[in-house]
């Protein structure tokens, strides 16, 4: 039961977008 999935990870999304950007 991961509660991390329930709350949006802005940092995770930003890092993901930054990774595909470069």
PDB file of N, CA and C in Angstrom:
ATOM      1  N   UNK A   1       0.842  -1.201   0.000  1.00  0.00           N
ATOM      2  CA  UNK A   1       0.000   0.000   0.000  1.00  0.00           C
ATOM      3  C   UNK A   1       0.877   1.250   0.000  1.00  0.00           C
ATOM      4  N   UNK A   2       1.063   1.800  -1.173  1.00  0.00           N
ATOM      5  CA  UNK A   2       1.899   2.997  -1.290  1.00  0.00           C
ATOM      6  C   UNK A   2       1.040   4.249  -1.303  1.00  0.00           C
ATOM      7  N   UNK A   3       1.229   5.086  -0.301  1.00  0.00           N
ATOM      8  CA  UNK A   3       0.458   6.333  -0.256  1.00  0.00           C
ATOM      9  C   UNK A   3       1.097   7.398  -1.147  1.00  0.00           C
ATOM     10  N   UNK A   4       2.300   7.081  -1.634  1.00  0.00           N
ATOM     11  CA  UNK A   4       2.993   8.048  -2.493  1.00  0.00           C
ATOM     12  C   UNK A   4       2.226   8.229  -3.805  1.00  0.00           C
ATOM     13  N   UNK A   5       1.594   7.152  -4.261  1.00  0.00           N
ATOM     14  CA  UNK A   5       0.853   7.239  -5.524  1.00  0.00           C
ATOM     15  C   UNK A   5      -0.367   8.143  -5.379  1.00  0.00           C
ATOM     16  N   UNK A   6      -0.897   8.213  -4.159  1.00  0.00           N
ATOM     17  CA  UNK A   6      -2.103   9.005  -3.933  1.00  0.00           C
ATOM     18  C   UNK A   6      -1.796  10.500  -4.104  1.00  0.00           C
ATOM     19  N   UNK A   7      -0.650  10.919  -3.605  1.00  0.00           N
ATOM     20  CA  UNK A   7      -0.328  12.342  -3.684  1.00  0.00           C
ATOM     21  C   UNK A   7       0.543  12.607  -4.914  1.00  0.00           C
ATOM     22  N   UNK A   8       0.258  13.661  -5.667  1.00  0.00           N
ATOM     23  CA  UNK A   8       0.996  13.982  -6.895  1.00  0.00           C
ATOM     24  C   UNK A   8       2.428  14.412  -6.590  1.00  0.00           C
ATOM     25  N   UNK A   9       3.353  13.802  -7.284  1.00  0.00           N
ATOM     26  CA  UNK A   9       4.769  14.136  -7.077  1.00  0.00           C
ATOM     27  C   UNK A   9       5.203  15.189  -8.092  1.00  0.00           C
ATOM     28  N   UNK A  10       5.094  16.445  -7.703  1.00  0.00           N
ATOM     29  CA  UNK A  10       5.471  17.521  -8.622  1.00  0.00           C
ATOM     30  C   UNK A  10       6.955  17.437  -8.960  1.00  0.00           C
ATOM     31  N   UNK A  11       7.772  17.120  -7.962  1.00  0.00           N
ATOM     32  CA  UNK A  11       9.214  17.042  -8.186  1.00  0.00           C
ATOM     33  C   UNK A  11       9.531  15.890  -9.135  1.00  0.00           C
ATOM     34  N   UNK A  12       8.849  14.782  -8.930  1.00  0.00           N
ATOM     35  CA  UNK A  12       9.082  13.616  -9.787  1.00  0.00           C
ATOM     36  C   UNK A  12       8.697  13.908 -11.225  1.00  0.00           C
ATOM     37  N   UNK A  13       7.547  14.541 -11.411  1.00  0.00           N
ATOM     38  CA  UNK A  13       7.095  14.874 -12.766  1.00  0.00           C
ATOM     39  C   UNK A  13       8.045  15.877 -13.413  1.00  0.00           C
ATOM     40  N   UNK A  14       8.444  16.880 -12.652  1.00  0.00           N
ATOM     41  CA  UNK A  14       9.349  17.903 -13.180  1.00  0.00           C
ATOM     42  C   UNK A  14      10.673  17.263 -13.589  1.00  0.00           C
ATOM     43  N   UNK A  15      11.183  16.365 -12.768  1.00  0.00           N
ATOM     44  CA  UNK A  15      12.442  15.694 -13.082  1.00  0.00           C
ATOM     45  C   UNK A  15      12.295  14.837 -14.329  1.00  0.00           C
ATOM     46  N   UNK A  16      11.150  14.165 -14.455  1.00  0.00           N
ATOM     47  CA  UNK A  16      10.894  13.320 -15.623  1.00  0.00           C
ATOM     48  C   UNK A  16      10.853  14.168 -16.891  1.00  0.00           C
ATOM     49  N   UNK A  17      10.133  15.283 -16.827  1.00  0.00           N
ATOM     50  CA  UNK A  17      10.041  16.165 -17.995  1.00  0.00           C
ATOM     51  C   UNK A  17      11.418  16.729 -18.335  1.00  0.00           C
ATOM     52  N   UNK A  18      12.173  17.088 -17.316  1.00  0.00           N
ATOM     53  CA  UNK A  18      13.512  17.636 -17.544  1.00  0.00           C
ATOM     54  C   UNK A  18      14.421  16.586 -18.179  1.00  0.00           C
ATOM     55  N   UNK A  19      14.227  15.319 -17.775  1.00  0.00           N
ATOM     56  CA  UNK A  19      15.059  14.240 -18.305  1.00  0.00           C
ATOM     57  C   UNK A  19      14.787  14.038 -19.791  1.00  0.00           C
ATOM     58  N   UNK A  20      13.513  14.059 -20.189  1.00  0.00           N
ATOM     59  CA  UNK A  20      13.203  13.840 -21.603  1.00  0.00           C
ATOM     60  C   UNK A  20      13.492  15.098 -22.416  1.00  0.00           C
ATOM     61  N   UNK A  21      13.577  16.232 -21.720  1.00  0.00           N
ATOM     62  CA  UNK A  21      13.863  17.488 -22.431  1.00  0.00           C
ATOM     63  C   UNK A  21      15.287  17.462 -22.975  1.00  0.00           C
ATOM     64  N   UNK A  22      16.222  16.977 -22.179  1.00  0.00           N
ATOM     65  CA  UNK A  22      17.623  16.970 -22.595  1.00  0.00           C
ATOM     66  C   UNK A  22      17.972  15.702 -23.340  1.00  0.00           C
TER      67      UNK A  22
END
